[in-house]
């Protein structure tokens, strides 16, 4: 590993992502579980965003002494992250339900796309709800209100949908390096890629560039994301 790569690894939070970066065998098993070569590109994005360097020469045992994924503290950290992700998914699902119920989108193809994305978000809610329970927590659902967006008409709705999906993708990326459990990381990675696809499609419809961050996606922390979600919370 080069000195630059080593310094980047030292800055990465101890967690499943660091273990996968440093343990080639563990990484290969993880990518097989995620779907092989197709998952490698998405994993590389996570690594780039979190300051990592995928180097097969790293020691396979180095991370096990640093991170105990079965510890109570690790589970508590992952639970907080999953609860946070669940809140965002509820916001997204409620948003699309509100848009569909209000009939704001008149274009038939766009309306069907909204329903498809809503169904994706509901699947995310269901999966994360189960993850919260598996981690010993009680799933929380926020109260939401989108009246101000709906009142702005179809263009306002499309712009908001694009903004919400871009925010969701950035939020998952922002938590990747903090996740301790490989199972939770696999879920986050899978959802992140779907949120990115939603965002690209909606960016295009809303008249925005499909890659607002350029070649590499930019992560967003909880402190950056939550204030942007707050206007939608009742």
C-alpha atoms as a PDB file:
ATOM      1  CA  UNK A   1       0.000   0.000   0.000  1.00  0.00           C
ATOM      2  CA  UNK A   2       1.344   3.438  -0.908  1.00  0.00           C
ATOM      3  CA  UNK A   3       1.858   6.107   1.748  1.00  0.00           C
ATOM      4  CA  UNK A   4      -1.054   8.119   0.306  1.00  0.00           C
ATOM      5  CA  UNK A   5      -3.332   5.100   0.424  1.00  0.00           C
ATOM      6  CA  UNK A   6      -2.214   4.309   3.959  1.00  0.00           C
ATOM      7  CA  UNK A   7      -2.988   7.851   5.104  1.00  0.00           C
ATOM      8  CA  UNK A   8      -6.417   7.664   3.475  1.00  0.00           C
ATOM      9  CA  UNK A   9      -7.112   4.352   5.214  1.00  0.00           C
ATOM     10  CA  UNK A  10      -6.136   5.846   8.557  1.00  0.00           C
ATOM     11  CA  UNK A  11      -8.704   8.620   8.038  1.00  0.00           C
ATOM     12  CA  UNK A  12     -11.480   6.164   7.244  1.00  0.00           C
ATOM     13  CA  UNK A  13     -13.715   5.321  10.240  1.00  0.00           C
ATOM     14  CA  UNK A  14     -13.335   1.829  11.663  1.00  0.00           C
ATOM     15  CA  UNK A  15     -16.193  -0.211  10.262  1.00  0.00           C
ATOM     16  CA  UNK A  16     -17.267  -2.737   7.658  1.00  0.00           C
ATOM     17  CA  UNK A  17     -16.040  -0.537   4.814  1.00  0.00           C
ATOM     18  CA  UNK A  18     -12.519  -0.330   6.261  1.00  0.00           C
ATOM     19  CA  UNK A  19     -12.431  -4.060   6.887  1.00  0.00           C
ATOM     20  CA  UNK A  20     -13.477  -4.739   3.304  1.00  0.00           C
ATOM     21  CA  UNK A  21     -10.884  -2.280   2.007  1.00  0.00           C
ATOM     22  CA  UNK A  22      -8.074  -3.963   3.938  1.00  0.00           C
ATOM     23  CA  UNK A  23      -9.126  -7.610   3.692  1.00  0.00           C
ATOM     24  CA  UNK A  24      -9.091  -8.880   0.098  1.00  0.00           C
ATOM     25  CA  UNK A  25     -10.733 -12.194   0.992  1.00  0.00           C
ATOM     26  CA  UNK A  26     -13.535 -10.547   2.916  1.00  0.00           C
ATOM     27  CA  UNK A  27     -14.035  -8.051   0.097  1.00  0.00           C
ATOM     28  CA  UNK A  28     -14.348 -10.801  -2.532  1.00  0.00           C
ATOM     29  CA  UNK A  29     -16.925 -12.666  -0.431  1.00  0.00           C
ATOM     30  CA  UNK A  30     -18.858  -9.445   0.039  1.00  0.00           C
ATOM     31  CA  UNK A  31     -18.886  -8.641  -3.690  1.00  0.00           C
ATOM     32  CA  UNK A  32     -20.032 -12.170  -4.515  1.00  0.00           C
ATOM     33  CA  UNK A  33     -22.881 -11.716  -2.060  1.00  0.00           C
ATOM     34  CA  UNK A  34     -23.735  -8.371  -3.690  1.00  0.00           C
ATOM     35  CA  UNK A  35     -23.667  -9.759  -7.219  1.00  0.00           C
ATOM     36  CA  UNK A  36     -20.028  -9.931  -8.276  1.00  0.00           C
ATOM     37  CA  UNK A  37     -18.661  -7.538 -10.861  1.00  0.00           C
ATOM     38  CA  UNK A  38     -21.831  -5.464 -10.951  1.00  0.00           C
ATOM     39  CA  UNK A  39     -21.380  -4.536  -7.310  1.00  0.00           C
ATOM     40  CA  UNK A  40     -17.699  -3.696  -7.657  1.00  0.00           C
ATOM     41  CA  UNK A  41     -18.350  -0.378  -9.383  1.00  0.00           C
ATOM     42  CA  UNK A  42     -20.790   0.762  -6.709  1.00  0.00           C
ATOM     43  CA  UNK A  43     -18.401  -0.371  -3.984  1.00  0.00           C
ATOM     44  CA  UNK A  44     -15.610   1.624  -5.621  1.00  0.00           C
ATOM     45  CA  UNK A  45     -17.794   4.734  -5.457  1.00  0.00           C
ATOM     46  CA  UNK A  46     -18.289   4.162  -1.738  1.00  0.00           C
ATOM     47  CA  UNK A  47     -14.552   3.764  -1.298  1.00  0.00           C
ATOM     48  CA  UNK A  48     -13.721   6.928  -3.251  1.00  0.00           C
ATOM     49  CA  UNK A  49     -16.259   8.972  -1.314  1.00  0.00           C
ATOM     50  CA  UNK A  50     -15.051   7.694   2.032  1.00  0.00           C
ATOM     51  CA  UNK A  51     -11.354   8.291   1.419  1.00  0.00           C
ATOM     52  CA  UNK A  52     -10.383   4.702   0.802  1.00  0.00           C
ATOM     53  CA  UNK A  53      -8.065   2.917  -1.592  1.00  0.00           C
ATOM     54  CA  UNK A  54      -8.840  -0.589  -2.846  1.00  0.00           C
ATOM     55  CA  UNK A  55      -5.488  -2.334  -2.452  1.00  0.00           C
ATOM     56  CA  UNK A  56      -5.344  -6.123  -2.454  1.00  0.00           C
ATOM     57  CA  UNK A  57      -1.929  -6.088  -0.784  1.00  0.00           C
ATOM     58  CA  UNK A  58      -3.391  -4.891   2.518  1.00  0.00           C
ATOM     59  CA  UNK A  59      -3.140  -7.271   5.430  1.00  0.00           C
ATOM     60  CA  UNK A  60      -6.195  -9.531   5.705  1.00  0.00           C
ATOM     61  CA  UNK A  61      -6.161  -9.532   9.484  1.00  0.00           C
ATOM     62  CA  UNK A  62      -5.577  -5.889  10.259  1.00  0.00           C
ATOM     63  CA  UNK A  63      -9.173  -4.834  10.671  1.00  0.00           C
ATOM     64  CA  UNK A  64     -10.313  -7.640  12.959  1.00  0.00           C
ATOM     65  CA  UNK A  65      -8.250  -6.270  15.822  1.00  0.00           C
ATOM     66  CA  UNK A  66      -9.664  -2.772  15.345  1.00  0.00           C
ATOM     67  CA  UNK A  67     -13.382  -3.407  14.907  1.00  0.00           C
ATOM     68  CA  UNK A  68     -15.670  -5.714  16.840  1.00  0.00           C
ATOM     69  CA  UNK A  69     -18.841  -5.827  14.757  1.00  0.00           C
ATOM     70  CA  UNK A  70     -20.650  -7.807  17.456  1.00  0.00           C
ATOM     71  CA  UNK A  71     -20.126  -5.241  20.199  1.00  0.00           C
ATOM     72  CA  UNK A  72     -23.034  -3.420  21.772  1.00  0.00           C
ATOM     73  CA  UNK A  73     -21.591  -0.052  20.773  1.00  0.00           C
ATOM     74  CA  UNK A  74     -21.268  -1.127  17.139  1.00  0.00           C
ATOM     75  CA  UNK A  75     -24.867  -2.345  17.067  1.00  0.00           C
ATOM     76  CA  UNK A  76     -26.053   0.899  18.649  1.00  0.00           C
ATOM     77  CA  UNK A  77     -24.194   2.932  16.027  1.00  0.00           C
ATOM     78  CA  UNK A  78     -25.654   0.874  13.203  1.00  0.00           C
ATOM     79  CA  UNK A  79     -29.126   1.134  14.719  1.00  0.00           C
ATOM     80  CA  UNK A  80     -28.893   4.929  14.766  1.00  0.00           C
ATOM     81  CA  UNK A  81     -27.809   4.934  11.116  1.00  0.00           C
ATOM     82  CA  UNK A  82     -30.614   2.596  10.068  1.00  0.00           C
ATOM     83  CA  UNK A  83     -33.205   4.662  11.966  1.00  0.00           C
ATOM     84  CA  UNK A  84     -31.896   7.745  10.170  1.00  0.00           C
ATOM     85  CA  UNK A  85     -32.122   6.005   6.795  1.00  0.00           C
ATOM     86  CA  UNK A  86     -35.625   4.784   7.639  1.00  0.00           C
ATOM     87  CA  UNK A  87     -36.721   8.357   8.356  1.00  0.00           C
ATOM     88  CA  UNK A  88     -35.476   9.460   4.935  1.00  0.00           C
ATOM     89  CA  UNK A  89     -37.213   6.564   3.207  1.00  0.00           C
ATOM     90  CA  UNK A  90     -40.492   7.381   4.962  1.00  0.00           C
ATOM     91  CA  UNK A  91     -40.167  10.983   3.771  1.00  0.00           C
ATOM     92  CA  UNK A  92     -39.607   9.810   0.196  1.00  0.00           C
ATOM     93  CA  UNK A  93     -42.461   7.285   0.283  1.00  0.00           C
ATOM     94  CA  UNK A  94     -44.884   9.776   1.814  1.00  0.00           C
ATOM     95  CA  UNK A  95     -43.860  12.362  -0.766  1.00  0.00           C
ATOM     96  CA  UNK A  96     -44.676  10.146  -3.726  1.00  0.00           C
ATOM     97  CA  UNK A  97     -47.924   9.014  -2.122  1.00  0.00           C
ATOM     98  CA  UNK A  98     -48.918  12.655  -1.647  1.00  0.00           C
ATOM     99  CA  UNK A  99     -48.032  13.496  -5.266  1.00  0.00           C
ATOM    100  CA  UNK A 100     -49.945  10.483  -6.621  1.00  0.00           C
ATOM    101  CA  UNK A 101     -53.003  11.139  -4.450  1.00  0.00           C
ATOM    102  CA  UNK A 102     -53.083  14.821  -5.430  1.00  0.00           C
ATOM    103  CA  UNK A 103     -52.914  14.018  -9.148  1.00  0.00           C
ATOM    104  CA  UNK A 104     -50.455  16.851  -9.753  1.00  0.00           C
ATOM    105  CA  UNK A 105     -48.567  14.964 -12.461  1.00  0.00           C
ATOM    106  CA  UNK A 106     -50.806  14.797 -15.542  1.00  0.00           C
ATOM    107  CA  UNK A 107     -48.329  13.153 -17.908  1.00  0.00           C
ATOM    108  CA  UNK A 108     -49.182   9.453 -17.872  1.00  0.00           C
ATOM    109  CA  UNK A 109     -45.600   8.201 -18.260  1.00  0.00           C
ATOM    110  CA  UNK A 110     -44.360  10.462 -15.466  1.00  0.00           C
ATOM    111  CA  UNK A 111     -47.228   9.396 -13.227  1.00  0.00           C
ATOM    112  CA  UNK A 112     -46.331   5.739 -13.775  1.00  0.00           C
ATOM    113  CA  UNK A 113     -42.677   6.533 -13.040  1.00  0.00           C
ATOM    114  CA  UNK A 114     -43.729   8.173  -9.774  1.00  0.00           C
ATOM    115  CA  UNK A 115     -45.627   5.025  -8.810  1.00  0.00           C
ATOM    116  CA  UNK A 116     -42.643   2.833  -9.665  1.00  0.00           C
ATOM    117  CA  UNK A 117     -40.296   4.973  -7.567  1.00  0.00           C
ATOM    118  CA  UNK A 118     -42.855   5.034  -4.730  1.00  0.00           C
ATOM    119  CA  UNK A 119     -42.936   1.234  -4.753  1.00  0.00           C
ATOM    120  CA  UNK A 120     -39.118   1.146  -4.597  1.00  0.00           C
ATOM    121  CA  UNK A 121     -39.134   3.504  -1.619  1.00  0.00           C
ATOM    122  CA  UNK A 122     -41.773   1.423   0.139  1.00  0.00           C
ATOM    123  CA  UNK A 123     -39.591  -1.660  -0.325  1.00  0.00           C
ATOM    124  CA  UNK A 124     -36.734   0.297   1.239  1.00  0.00           C
ATOM    125  CA  UNK A 125     -38.986   1.205   4.174  1.00  0.00           C
ATOM    126  CA  UNK A 126     -39.962  -2.431   4.678  1.00  0.00           C
ATOM    127  CA  UNK A 127     -36.354  -3.636   4.546  1.00  0.00           C
ATOM    128  CA  UNK A 128     -35.040  -0.972   6.915  1.00  0.00           C
ATOM    129  CA  UNK A 129     -37.952  -1.524   9.297  1.00  0.00           C
ATOM    130  CA  UNK A 130     -36.912  -5.154   9.521  1.00  0.00           C
ATOM    131  CA  UNK A 131     -33.282  -4.144  10.038  1.00  0.00           C
ATOM    132  CA  UNK A 132     -34.215  -1.850  12.923  1.00  0.00           C
ATOM    133  CA  UNK A 133     -36.065  -4.711  14.590  1.00  0.00           C
ATOM    134  CA  UNK A 134     -33.177  -7.106  13.984  1.00  0.00           C
ATOM    135  CA  UNK A 135     -30.882  -4.621  15.749  1.00  0.00           C
ATOM    136  CA  UNK A 136     -33.203  -4.527  18.755  1.00  0.00           C
ATOM    137  CA  UNK A 137     -34.783  -1.159  18.025  1.00  0.00           C
ATOM    138  CA  UNK A 138     -38.315   0.144  17.543  1.00  0.00           C
ATOM    139  CA  UNK A 139     -38.932   1.531  14.043  1.00  0.00           C
ATOM    140  CA  UNK A 140     -39.904   5.201  14.025  1.00  0.00           C
ATOM    141  CA  UNK A 141     -42.091   6.914  11.453  1.00  0.00           C
ATOM    142  CA  UNK A 142     -42.109  10.706  11.099  1.00  0.00           C
ATOM    143  CA  UNK A 143     -45.194  12.778  10.321  1.00  0.00           C
ATOM    144  CA  UNK A 144     -44.826  14.541   6.991  1.00  0.00           C
ATOM    145  CA  UNK A 145     -46.488  17.369   5.091  1.00  0.00           C
ATOM    146  CA  UNK A 146     -45.937  18.330   1.452  1.00  0.00           C
ATOM    147  CA  UNK A 147     -48.727  20.877   0.952  1.00  0.00           C
ATOM    148  CA  UNK A 148     -46.313  23.676   0.056  1.00  0.00           C
ATOM    149  CA  UNK A 149     -44.681  21.560  -2.653  1.00  0.00           C
ATOM    150  CA  UNK A 150     -47.973  20.366  -4.110  1.00  0.00           C
ATOM    151  CA  UNK A 151     -49.249  23.940  -4.265  1.00  0.00           C
ATOM    152  CA  UNK A 152     -46.290  24.817  -6.508  1.00  0.00           C
ATOM    153  CA  UNK A 153     -47.555  22.619  -9.330  1.00  0.00           C
ATOM    154  CA  UNK A 154     -45.956  19.931 -11.476  1.00  0.00           C
ATOM    155  CA  UNK A 155     -42.597  21.644 -12.016  1.00  0.00           C
ATOM    156  CA  UNK A 156     -42.154  22.272  -8.295  1.00  0.00           C
ATOM    157  CA  UNK A 157     -43.003  18.641  -7.619  1.00  0.00           C
ATOM    158  CA  UNK A 158     -40.446  17.385 -10.157  1.00  0.00           C
ATOM    159  CA  UNK A 159     -37.712  19.669  -8.841  1.00  0.00           C
ATOM    160  CA  UNK A 160     -38.441  18.568  -5.272  1.00  0.00           C
ATOM    161  CA  UNK A 161     -38.449  14.897  -6.271  1.00  0.00           C
ATOM    162  CA  UNK A 162     -35.034  15.303  -7.900  1.00  0.00           C
ATOM    163  CA  UNK A 163     -33.686  17.168  -4.869  1.00  0.00           C
ATOM    164  CA  UNK A 164     -34.995  14.528  -2.457  1.00  0.00           C
ATOM    165  CA  UNK A 165     -33.518  11.635  -4.447  1.00  0.00           C
ATOM    166  CA  UNK A 166     -30.129  13.343  -4.795  1.00  0.00           C
ATOM    167  CA  UNK A 167     -30.193  14.003  -1.051  1.00  0.00           C
ATOM    168  CA  UNK A 168     -31.050  10.385  -0.309  1.00  0.00           C
ATOM    169  CA  UNK A 169     -28.182   9.060  -2.419  1.00  0.00           C
ATOM    170  CA  UNK A 170     -25.743  11.467  -0.746  1.00  0.00           C
ATOM    171  CA  UNK A 171     -27.047  10.528   2.700  1.00  0.00           C
ATOM    172  CA  UNK A 172     -26.325   6.821   2.215  1.00  0.00           C
ATOM    173  CA  UNK A 173     -22.885   7.624   0.891  1.00  0.00           C
ATOM    174  CA  UNK A 174     -22.253   9.824   3.921  1.00  0.00           C
ATOM    175  CA  UNK A 175     -22.881   6.950   6.328  1.00  0.00           C
ATOM    176  CA  UNK A 176     -21.006   4.203   4.435  1.00  0.00           C
ATOM    177  CA  UNK A 177     -17.755   4.539   6.359  1.00  0.00           C
ATOM    178  CA  UNK A 178     -19.518   4.458   9.731  1.00  0.00           C
ATOM    179  CA  UNK A 179     -21.444   1.205   9.246  1.00  0.00           C
ATOM    180  CA  UNK A 180     -20.010  -1.717  11.216  1.00  0.00           C
ATOM    181  CA  UNK A 181     -22.130  -4.619   9.964  1.00  0.00           C
ATOM    182  CA  UNK A 182     -21.426  -6.005   6.483  1.00  0.00           C
ATOM    183  CA  UNK A 183     -25.086  -6.967   6.186  1.00  0.00           C
ATOM    184  CA  UNK A 184     -26.199  -3.386   6.870  1.00  0.00           C
ATOM    185  CA  UNK A 185     -23.513  -2.070   4.504  1.00  0.00           C
ATOM    186  CA  UNK A 186     -24.830  -4.403   1.784  1.00  0.00           C
ATOM    187  CA  UNK A 187     -28.334  -3.012   2.252  1.00  0.00           C
ATOM    188  CA  UNK A 188     -27.064   0.580   2.224  1.00  0.00           C
ATOM    189  CA  UNK A 189     -25.004  -0.063  -0.915  1.00  0.00           C
ATOM    190  CA  UNK A 190     -27.978  -1.602  -2.709  1.00  0.00           C
ATOM    191  CA  UNK A 191     -30.308   1.252  -1.765  1.00  0.00           C
ATOM    192  CA  UNK A 192     -27.699   3.915  -2.603  1.00  0.00           C
ATOM    193  CA  UNK A 193     -27.405   2.711  -6.188  1.00  0.00           C
ATOM    194  CA  UNK A 194     -31.185   2.749  -6.653  1.00  0.00           C
ATOM    195  CA  UNK A 195     -31.491   6.238  -5.158  1.00  0.00           C
ATOM    196  CA  UNK A 196     -28.789   7.383  -7.573  1.00  0.00           C
ATOM    197  CA  UNK A 197     -30.752   5.994 -10.521  1.00  0.00           C
ATOM    198  CA  UNK A 198     -33.924   7.679  -9.306  1.00  0.00           C
ATOM    199  CA  UNK A 199     -32.012  10.940  -8.975  1.00  0.00           C
ATOM    200  CA  UNK A 200     -30.530  10.718 -12.487  1.00  0.00           C
ATOM    201  CA  UNK A 201     -33.935  10.081 -14.057  1.00  0.00           C
ATOM    202  CA  UNK A 202     -35.622  12.889 -12.143  1.00  0.00           C
ATOM    203  CA  UNK A 203     -32.752  15.305 -12.746  1.00  0.00           C
ATOM    204  CA  UNK A 204     -33.246  14.761 -16.467  1.00  0.00           C
ATOM    205  CA  UNK A 205     -37.018  15.290 -16.288  1.00  0.00           C
ATOM    206  CA  UNK A 206     -36.600  18.403 -14.131  1.00  0.00           C
ATOM    207  CA  UNK A 207     -34.134  19.892 -16.632  1.00  0.00           C
ATOM    208  CA  UNK A 208     -31.031  19.397 -14.492  1.00  0.00           C
ATOM    209  CA  UNK A 209     -27.776  17.580 -15.229  1.00  0.00           C
ATOM    210  CA  UNK A 210     -27.966  13.865 -14.451  1.00  0.00           C
ATOM    211  CA  UNK A 211     -24.554  13.994 -12.722  1.00  0.00           C
ATOM    212  CA  UNK A 212     -24.621  17.127 -10.542  1.00  0.00           C
ATOM    213  CA  UNK A 213     -21.494  16.083  -8.620  1.00  0.00           C
ATOM    214  CA  UNK A 214     -19.433  15.161 -11.674  1.00  0.00           C
ATOM    215  CA  UNK A 215     -17.600  11.858 -12.005  1.00  0.00           C
ATOM    216  CA  UNK A 216     -17.668  11.060  -8.267  1.00  0.00           C
ATOM    217  CA  UNK A 217     -20.718  11.334  -6.023  1.00  0.00           C
ATOM    218  CA  UNK A 218     -20.398  13.554  -2.963  1.00  0.00           C
ATOM    219  CA  UNK A 219     -21.477  12.235   0.446  1.00  0.00           C
ATOM    220  CA  UNK A 220     -23.605  14.255   2.858  1.00  0.00           C
ATOM    221  CA  UNK A 221     -23.529  14.002   6.654  1.00  0.00           C
ATOM    222  CA  UNK A 222     -26.560  13.859   8.943  1.00  0.00           C
ATOM    223  CA  UNK A 223     -25.865  17.466   9.889  1.00  0.00           C
ATOM    224  CA  UNK A 224     -26.143  18.441   6.232  1.00  0.00           C
ATOM    225  CA  UNK A 225     -29.141  16.273   5.366  1.00  0.00           C
ATOM    226  CA  UNK A 226     -31.548  16.728   8.276  1.00  0.00           C
ATOM    227  CA  UNK A 227     -32.046  20.518   7.895  1.00  0.00           C
ATOM    228  CA  UNK A 228     -33.039  19.931   4.263  1.00  0.00           C
ATOM    229  CA  UNK A 229     -35.577  17.290   5.305  1.00  0.00           C
ATOM    230  CA  UNK A 230     -37.031  19.348   8.165  1.00  0.00           C
ATOM    231  CA  UNK A 231     -39.396  21.438   5.972  1.00  0.00           C
ATOM    232  CA  UNK A 232     -41.214  18.212   5.051  1.00  0.00           C
ATOM    233  CA  UNK A 233     -41.767  17.128   8.675  1.00  0.00           C
ATOM    234  CA  UNK A 234     -45.102  18.072  10.209  1.00  0.00           C
END
